[in-house]
Structures are given as C-alpha cells and as structure tokens.
C-alpha cells in the first residue's frame, strides 16, 4: 500500500529531476517533421526517423518529461523549463538547470539567446526573479551572481574584472556563503536585473530586495 501511494503521487511537477529535449531546426533547412514527431496527447514522447548507411529506414521512440519541437519561442521554452524552478528558489529551495548536447545543437542559443524576444533562459530567469521578488514585499531576498566556465578541465571566473586574473579558480565543495559556488571566484551582488547586465565581481553585503 505504501508503494502504491508513492507511485500515485509521482509527477513531473514534484520530481527532483526532469529531462527536457529541445529540437533545433535541421541545418539543411528541411522540414523538421520529416525526421521527428511529437505527440500533444502524450507529453514527452518523441519519434525519431533516420536512414542508415545502407539506406534502410531507422525509427526510434523515446520518452522524456517534455519535448520542445523546433519553432517554439524562447518565451515558451523558458516557461516550460525554467520558470517553475525560479519560483522554487524564491520559496527557499535549490535549483539547477543545465544544457547538454553536442557542438552546434543550440545550447548557447537556448541558455543565452539573442536580443529582444530571442532572449534565452538566463536573461529571462533574471528578469522573472526580480519581478517576482518585488511582488513579495513581506520577504527580503539577497541575490548573488557568479559567472563561471568549465573548459578543458579548468574552472574560470568569467565575471572577473579585466584587471584581475580569471584562471585557476578551484572548486572545493559546497559553498559556505550564498553565491560563493567556487572558492576563489568573486560572486557579484545584485540589486536589479540591470545590474547583472555586465561582468565584474563584488564584495560586501548584497542589496535587499
């Protein structure tokens, strides 16, 4: 009976980990529906079609928490993948979102995007974070921001001012202070979305929201 209650209560909403697949348009400009299909009646199901080296058709189906087909707006991608995580952060829970895929698969476009309506999930998450915090005047929030890169097994602080070294940042486990995700990095304090538009670390107490 205990197992039955646990299975019945499971959903993507309360799951600790969700996997979402976003399809990018084919590089040759062909119709993406020729190689993949999604099914609105069954969220997360994707059908992939390809041709083997000897010309034989290959067809596979996979099931994820959600599948975002090509052509979906950046705004919808944020709402389907990230908005709920920001809400949880504001409620006091940890959240992590990362993009995984081969070179050219659209990770940078999804995460950072471009200007205007093509903004990615990072700028949209920051905008939403400050908007929602302002709607909760009964609470005070402290916002820290770090901008780190892992490349060739080295951790670099991309938010470092030009006059300071960005290399040789060592990660030594869980942070002891908010925002200090890597000892040696300089988490910037932020009082608004606009203040996070550029790089640069900061010291001292964060602004209260």
C-alpha atoms as a PDB file:
ATOM      1  CA  UNK A   1       0.000   0.000   0.000  1.00  0.00           C
ATOM      2  CA  UNK A   2       2.895   2.340   0.750  1.00  0.00           C
ATOM      3  CA  UNK A   3       4.399   1.778  -2.686  1.00  0.00           C
ATOM      4  CA  UNK A   4       1.038   2.448  -4.304  1.00  0.00           C
ATOM      5  CA  UNK A   5       0.713   5.835  -2.633  1.00  0.00           C
ATOM      6  CA  UNK A   6       4.244   6.767  -3.665  1.00  0.00           C
ATOM      7  CA  UNK A   7       3.688   5.880  -7.311  1.00  0.00           C
ATOM      8  CA  UNK A   8       0.344   7.649  -7.408  1.00  0.00           C
ATOM      9  CA  UNK A   9       1.856  10.882  -6.113  1.00  0.00           C
ATOM     10  CA  UNK A  10       4.717  10.914  -8.627  1.00  0.00           C
ATOM     11  CA  UNK A  11       4.599  13.556 -11.352  1.00  0.00           C
ATOM     12  CA  UNK A  12       6.998  15.724 -13.320  1.00  0.00           C
ATOM     13  CA  UNK A  13       5.853  18.615 -11.128  1.00  0.00           C
ATOM     14  CA  UNK A  14       7.179  17.124  -7.877  1.00  0.00           C
ATOM     15  CA  UNK A  15      10.051  15.114  -9.359  1.00  0.00           C
ATOM     16  CA  UNK A  16      13.510  16.193  -8.257  1.00  0.00           C
ATOM     17  CA  UNK A  17      14.988  15.791 -11.756  1.00  0.00           C
ATOM     18  CA  UNK A  18      13.329  16.482 -15.104  1.00  0.00           C
ATOM     19  CA  UNK A  19      14.778  15.902 -18.568  1.00  0.00           C
ATOM     20  CA  UNK A  20      13.523  18.122 -21.373  1.00  0.00           C
ATOM     21  CA  UNK A  21      14.565  17.745 -25.012  1.00  0.00           C
ATOM     22  CA  UNK A  22      14.546  20.730 -27.340  1.00  0.00           C
ATOM     23  CA  UNK A  23      14.835  20.059 -31.071  1.00  0.00           C
ATOM     24  CA  UNK A  24      16.615  22.566 -33.280  1.00  0.00           C
ATOM     25  CA  UNK A  25      15.670  23.136 -36.940  1.00  0.00           C
ATOM     26  CA  UNK A  26      17.621  20.948 -39.413  1.00  0.00           C
ATOM     27  CA  UNK A  27      20.757  22.688 -40.697  1.00  0.00           C
ATOM     28  CA  UNK A  28      19.806  21.907 -44.313  1.00  0.00           C
ATOM     29  CA  UNK A  29      16.575  23.866 -43.992  1.00  0.00           C
ATOM     30  CA  UNK A  30      14.321  20.838 -44.406  1.00  0.00           C
ATOM     31  CA  UNK A  31      11.043  20.393 -42.573  1.00  0.00           C
ATOM     32  CA  UNK A  32      11.825  19.025 -39.071  1.00  0.00           C
ATOM     33  CA  UNK A  33       8.623  16.973 -39.225  1.00  0.00           C
ATOM     34  CA  UNK A  34      10.332  14.773 -41.804  1.00  0.00           C
ATOM     35  CA  UNK A  35      12.716  13.395 -39.185  1.00  0.00           C
ATOM     36  CA  UNK A  36      10.815  13.696 -35.905  1.00  0.00           C
ATOM     37  CA  UNK A  37       7.328  13.762 -34.454  1.00  0.00           C
ATOM     38  CA  UNK A  38       5.948  14.803 -31.087  1.00  0.00           C
ATOM     39  CA  UNK A  39       2.559  13.882 -29.710  1.00  0.00           C
ATOM     40  CA  UNK A  40       0.477  16.504 -27.853  1.00  0.00           C
ATOM     41  CA  UNK A  41      -1.685  13.789 -26.342  1.00  0.00           C
ATOM     42  CA  UNK A  42       1.360  12.198 -24.676  1.00  0.00           C
ATOM     43  CA  UNK A  43       3.756  14.816 -23.330  1.00  0.00           C
ATOM     44  CA  UNK A  44       7.406  13.887 -23.619  1.00  0.00           C
ATOM     45  CA  UNK A  45       7.091  11.254 -26.346  1.00  0.00           C
ATOM     46  CA  UNK A  46       9.282  11.766 -29.420  1.00  0.00           C
ATOM     47  CA  UNK A  47       9.583   9.664 -32.569  1.00  0.00           C
ATOM     48  CA  UNK A  48      12.890   9.921 -34.475  1.00  0.00           C
ATOM     49  CA  UNK A  49      13.312   8.792 -38.086  1.00  0.00           C
ATOM     50  CA  UNK A  50      16.597   8.465 -39.957  1.00  0.00           C
ATOM     51  CA  UNK A  51      18.291   6.453 -42.681  1.00  0.00           C
ATOM     52  CA  UNK A  52      21.156   4.050 -42.069  1.00  0.00           C
ATOM     53  CA  UNK A  53      24.361   3.998 -44.123  1.00  0.00           C
ATOM     54  CA  UNK A  54      22.952   1.225 -46.318  1.00  0.00           C
ATOM     55  CA  UNK A  55      19.763   3.175 -46.960  1.00  0.00           C
ATOM     56  CA  UNK A  56      17.467   1.328 -44.571  1.00  0.00           C
ATOM     57  CA  UNK A  57      14.974   3.390 -42.567  1.00  0.00           C
ATOM     58  CA  UNK A  58      15.522   3.633 -38.814  1.00  0.00           C
ATOM     59  CA  UNK A  59      12.763   4.616 -36.398  1.00  0.00           C
ATOM     60  CA  UNK A  60      13.016   5.022 -32.644  1.00  0.00           C
ATOM     61  CA  UNK A  61      10.785   6.366 -29.881  1.00  0.00           C
ATOM     62  CA  UNK A  62      11.915   7.954 -26.611  1.00  0.00           C
ATOM     63  CA  UNK A  63      10.006   9.262 -23.592  1.00  0.00           C
ATOM     64  CA  UNK A  64      11.175  12.285 -21.595  1.00  0.00           C
ATOM     65  CA  UNK A  65       9.494  14.672 -19.178  1.00  0.00           C
ATOM     66  CA  UNK A  66       8.865  17.079 -22.043  1.00  0.00           C
ATOM     67  CA  UNK A  67       9.838  17.556 -25.684  1.00  0.00           C
ATOM     68  CA  UNK A  68      10.020  21.020 -27.218  1.00  0.00           C
ATOM     69  CA  UNK A  69       9.845  20.856 -31.023  1.00  0.00           C
ATOM     70  CA  UNK A  70      11.604  23.237 -33.398  1.00  0.00           C
ATOM     71  CA  UNK A  71       9.833  26.543 -33.856  1.00  0.00           C
ATOM     72  CA  UNK A  72       8.787  27.018 -30.225  1.00  0.00           C
ATOM     73  CA  UNK A  73       9.525  30.550 -28.988  1.00  0.00           C
ATOM     74  CA  UNK A  74      12.216  31.354 -26.437  1.00  0.00           C
ATOM     75  CA  UNK A  75       9.491  32.637 -24.117  1.00  0.00           C
ATOM     76  CA  UNK A  76       7.673  29.295 -24.199  1.00  0.00           C
ATOM     77  CA  UNK A  77      10.942  27.422 -23.656  1.00  0.00           C
ATOM     78  CA  UNK A  78      11.604  29.488 -20.514  1.00  0.00           C
ATOM     79  CA  UNK A  79       8.099  28.963 -19.174  1.00  0.00           C
ATOM     80  CA  UNK A  80       8.239  25.213 -19.762  1.00  0.00           C
ATOM     81  CA  UNK A  81      11.714  24.591 -18.394  1.00  0.00           C
ATOM     82  CA  UNK A  82      12.828  27.338 -16.028  1.00  0.00           C
ATOM     83  CA  UNK A  83      10.022  29.483 -14.639  1.00  0.00           C
ATOM     84  CA  UNK A  84       8.912  26.889 -12.105  1.00  0.00           C
ATOM     85  CA  UNK A  85      12.495  26.487 -10.896  1.00  0.00           C
ATOM     86  CA  UNK A  86      12.788  30.223 -10.203  1.00  0.00           C
ATOM     87  CA  UNK A  87       9.562  30.030  -8.187  1.00  0.00           C
ATOM     88  CA  UNK A  88      11.082  27.241  -6.108  1.00  0.00           C
ATOM     89  CA  UNK A  89      14.229  29.274  -5.493  1.00  0.00           C
ATOM     90  CA  UNK A  90      12.112  32.136  -4.198  1.00  0.00           C
ATOM     91  CA  UNK A  91      10.428  29.641  -1.860  1.00  0.00           C
ATOM     92  CA  UNK A  92      13.811  28.678  -0.436  1.00  0.00           C
ATOM     93  CA  UNK A  93      14.746  25.589  -2.442  1.00  0.00           C
ATOM     94  CA  UNK A  94      17.850  24.945  -4.548  1.00  0.00           C
ATOM     95  CA  UNK A  95      17.505  24.599  -8.307  1.00  0.00           C
ATOM     96  CA  UNK A  96      19.860  23.816 -11.160  1.00  0.00           C
ATOM     97  CA  UNK A  97      19.322  23.899 -14.915  1.00  0.00           C
ATOM     98  CA  UNK A  98      21.974  22.937 -17.433  1.00  0.00           C
ATOM     99  CA  UNK A  99      22.034  22.373 -21.182  1.00  0.00           C
ATOM    100  CA  UNK A 100      23.670  19.247 -22.562  1.00  0.00           C
ATOM    101  CA  UNK A 101      24.315  18.427 -26.189  1.00  0.00           C
ATOM    102  CA  UNK A 102      26.865  18.190 -28.962  1.00  0.00           C
ATOM    103  CA  UNK A 103      28.506  21.223 -30.573  1.00  0.00           C
ATOM    104  CA  UNK A 104      26.030  23.177 -32.687  1.00  0.00           C
ATOM    105  CA  UNK A 105      22.942  21.677 -31.070  1.00  0.00           C
ATOM    106  CA  UNK A 106      21.675  25.029 -29.770  1.00  0.00           C
ATOM    107  CA  UNK A 107      22.811  25.103 -26.136  1.00  0.00           C
ATOM    108  CA  UNK A 108      24.107  28.680 -26.205  1.00  0.00           C
ATOM    109  CA  UNK A 109      21.037  29.919 -28.063  1.00  0.00           C
ATOM    110  CA  UNK A 110      18.738  28.248 -25.531  1.00  0.00           C
ATOM    111  CA  UNK A 111      20.650  29.454 -22.471  1.00  0.00           C
ATOM    112  CA  UNK A 112      21.629  32.977 -23.534  1.00  0.00           C
ATOM    113  CA  UNK A 113      19.809  33.612 -26.816  1.00  0.00           C
ATOM    114  CA  UNK A 114      19.939  36.931 -28.622  1.00  0.00           C
ATOM    115  CA  UNK A 115      18.369  40.363 -28.145  1.00  0.00           C
ATOM    116  CA  UNK A 116      14.676  41.111 -27.786  1.00  0.00           C
ATOM    117  CA  UNK A 117      12.206  38.249 -27.977  1.00  0.00           C
ATOM    118  CA  UNK A 118      15.041  35.809 -28.697  1.00  0.00           C
ATOM    119  CA  UNK A 119      16.425  36.171 -25.164  1.00  0.00           C
ATOM    120  CA  UNK A 120      17.378  32.849 -23.616  1.00  0.00           C
ATOM    121  CA  UNK A 121      16.522  31.343 -20.260  1.00  0.00           C
ATOM    122  CA  UNK A 122      19.291  33.135 -18.307  1.00  0.00           C
ATOM    123  CA  UNK A 123      18.182  36.719 -19.008  1.00  0.00           C
ATOM    124  CA  UNK A 124      14.536  35.699 -18.740  1.00  0.00           C
ATOM    125  CA  UNK A 125      15.174  33.943 -15.424  1.00  0.00           C
ATOM    126  CA  UNK A 126      16.873  37.045 -14.027  1.00  0.00           C
ATOM    127  CA  UNK A 127      14.037  39.287 -15.170  1.00  0.00           C
ATOM    128  CA  UNK A 128      11.454  36.931 -13.691  1.00  0.00           C
ATOM    129  CA  UNK A 129      13.433  36.564 -10.453  1.00  0.00           C
ATOM    130  CA  UNK A 130      13.437  40.288  -9.722  1.00  0.00           C
ATOM    131  CA  UNK A 131       9.841  40.742 -10.892  1.00  0.00           C
ATOM    132  CA  UNK A 132       8.567  38.041  -8.541  1.00  0.00           C
ATOM    133  CA  UNK A 133      10.752  39.166  -5.636  1.00  0.00           C
ATOM    134  CA  UNK A 134       9.281  42.662  -5.944  1.00  0.00           C
ATOM    135  CA  UNK A 135       5.804  41.126  -5.611  1.00  0.00           C
ATOM    136  CA  UNK A 136       6.724  39.618  -2.234  1.00  0.00           C
ATOM    137  CA  UNK A 137       7.360  42.700  -0.064  1.00  0.00           C
ATOM    138  CA  UNK A 138       6.863  40.627   3.083  1.00  0.00           C
ATOM    139  CA  UNK A 139      10.154  38.848   2.338  1.00  0.00           C
ATOM    140  CA  UNK A 140      13.697  40.047   1.769  1.00  0.00           C
ATOM    141  CA  UNK A 141      15.990  38.392  -0.754  1.00  0.00           C
ATOM    142  CA  UNK A 142      19.738  38.616  -1.283  1.00  0.00           C
ATOM    143  CA  UNK A 143      20.886  37.960  -4.847  1.00  0.00           C
ATOM    144  CA  UNK A 144      24.429  36.895  -5.702  1.00  0.00           C
ATOM    145  CA  UNK A 145      25.644  36.121  -9.216  1.00  0.00           C
ATOM    146  CA  UNK A 146      28.675  34.137 -10.371  1.00  0.00           C
ATOM    147  CA  UNK A 147      29.624  33.549 -13.992  1.00  0.00           C
ATOM    148  CA  UNK A 148      31.886  30.501 -14.239  1.00  0.00           C
ATOM    149  CA  UNK A 149      33.146  28.402 -17.135  1.00  0.00           C
ATOM    150  CA  UNK A 150      34.455  24.844 -17.132  1.00  0.00           C
ATOM    151  CA  UNK A 151      36.642  24.242 -20.192  1.00  0.00           C
ATOM    152  CA  UNK A 152      39.405  21.681 -20.696  1.00  0.00           C
ATOM    153  CA  UNK A 153      39.038  20.635 -17.049  1.00  0.00           C
ATOM    154  CA  UNK A 154      39.739  24.179 -15.856  1.00  0.00           C
ATOM    155  CA  UNK A 155      37.348  26.464 -13.985  1.00  0.00           C
ATOM    156  CA  UNK A 156      37.403  30.147 -14.997  1.00  0.00           C
ATOM    157  CA  UNK A 157      35.583  33.112 -13.471  1.00  0.00           C
ATOM    158  CA  UNK A 158      34.078  34.961 -16.443  1.00  0.00           C
ATOM    159  CA  UNK A 159      32.671  37.681 -14.189  1.00  0.00           C
ATOM    160  CA  UNK A 160      36.129  38.863 -13.190  1.00  0.00           C
ATOM    161  CA  UNK A 161      37.049  42.479 -13.983  1.00  0.00           C
ATOM    162  CA  UNK A 162      39.765  42.686 -16.687  1.00  0.00           C
ATOM    163  CA  UNK A 163      42.395  43.797 -14.149  1.00  0.00           C
ATOM    164  CA  UNK A 164      42.064  40.588 -12.117  1.00  0.00           C
ATOM    165  CA  UNK A 165      43.052  37.024 -13.098  1.00  0.00           C
ATOM    166  CA  UNK A 166      40.206  34.750 -14.149  1.00  0.00           C
ATOM    167  CA  UNK A 167      42.072  31.429 -14.253  1.00  0.00           C
ATOM    168  CA  UNK A 168      42.947  28.873 -11.597  1.00  0.00           C
ATOM    169  CA  UNK A 169      39.673  29.020  -9.706  1.00  0.00           C
ATOM    170  CA  UNK A 170      39.473  25.898  -7.545  1.00  0.00           C
ATOM    171  CA  UNK A 171      36.195  24.287  -6.552  1.00  0.00           C
ATOM    172  CA  UNK A 172      36.327  22.742  -3.079  1.00  0.00           C
ATOM    173  CA  UNK A 173      32.815  21.534  -2.410  1.00  0.00           C
ATOM    174  CA  UNK A 174      29.610  23.165  -1.255  1.00  0.00           C
ATOM    175  CA  UNK A 175      29.729  26.928  -0.683  1.00  0.00           C
ATOM    176  CA  UNK A 176      29.788  28.252   2.876  1.00  0.00           C
ATOM    177  CA  UNK A 177      28.299  31.619   1.917  1.00  0.00           C
ATOM    178  CA  UNK A 178      25.488  32.386  -0.557  1.00  0.00           C
ATOM    179  CA  UNK A 179      26.710  32.693  -4.098  1.00  0.00           C
ATOM    180  CA  UNK A 180      30.279  31.537  -3.441  1.00  0.00           C
ATOM    181  CA  UNK A 181      29.970  28.499  -5.658  1.00  0.00           C
ATOM    182  CA  UNK A 182      33.734  28.270  -6.085  1.00  0.00           C
ATOM    183  CA  UNK A 183      36.321  29.459  -3.574  1.00  0.00           C
ATOM    184  CA  UNK A 184      38.498  31.992  -5.377  1.00  0.00           C
ATOM    185  CA  UNK A 185      35.685  33.296  -7.559  1.00  0.00           C
ATOM    186  CA  UNK A 186      34.080  36.670  -6.866  1.00  0.00           C
ATOM    187  CA  UNK A 187      30.259  36.452  -6.709  1.00  0.00           C
ATOM    188  CA  UNK A 188      28.728  39.793  -7.623  1.00  0.00           C
ATOM    189  CA  UNK A 189      25.967  41.278  -5.523  1.00  0.00           C
ATOM    190  CA  UNK A 190      22.956  42.438  -7.496  1.00  0.00           C
ATOM    191  CA  UNK A 191      20.055  44.695  -6.681  1.00  0.00           C
ATOM    192  CA  UNK A 192      18.319  44.591 -10.057  1.00  0.00           C
ATOM    193  CA  UNK A 193      18.273  42.728 -13.358  1.00  0.00           C
ATOM    194  CA  UNK A 194      20.018  45.707 -14.986  1.00  0.00           C
ATOM    195  CA  UNK A 195      22.920  45.466 -12.560  1.00  0.00           C
ATOM    196  CA  UNK A 196      23.666  41.976 -13.894  1.00  0.00           C
ATOM    197  CA  UNK A 197      23.978  43.122 -17.486  1.00  0.00           C
ATOM    198  CA  UNK A 198      27.790  43.250 -17.359  1.00  0.00           C
ATOM    199  CA  UNK A 199      30.592  41.317 -15.726  1.00  0.00           C
ATOM    200  CA  UNK A 200      32.508  42.078 -12.605  1.00  0.00           C
ATOM    201  CA  UNK A 201      32.702  40.615  -9.155  1.00  0.00           C
ATOM    202  CA  UNK A 202      31.687  42.348  -5.968  1.00  0.00           C
ATOM    203  CA  UNK A 203      32.295  42.198  -2.265  1.00  0.00           C
ATOM    204  CA  UNK A 204      30.266  43.272   0.713  1.00  0.00           C
ATOM    205  CA  UNK A 205      26.645  42.825   1.690  1.00  0.00           C
ATOM    206  CA  UNK A 206      24.048  42.331  -1.067  1.00  0.00           C
ATOM    207  CA  UNK A 207      21.251  44.753  -1.634  1.00  0.00           C
ATOM    208  CA  UNK A 208      17.965  43.720  -0.066  1.00  0.00           C
ATOM    209  CA  UNK A 209      15.021  43.350  -2.406  1.00  0.00           C
END
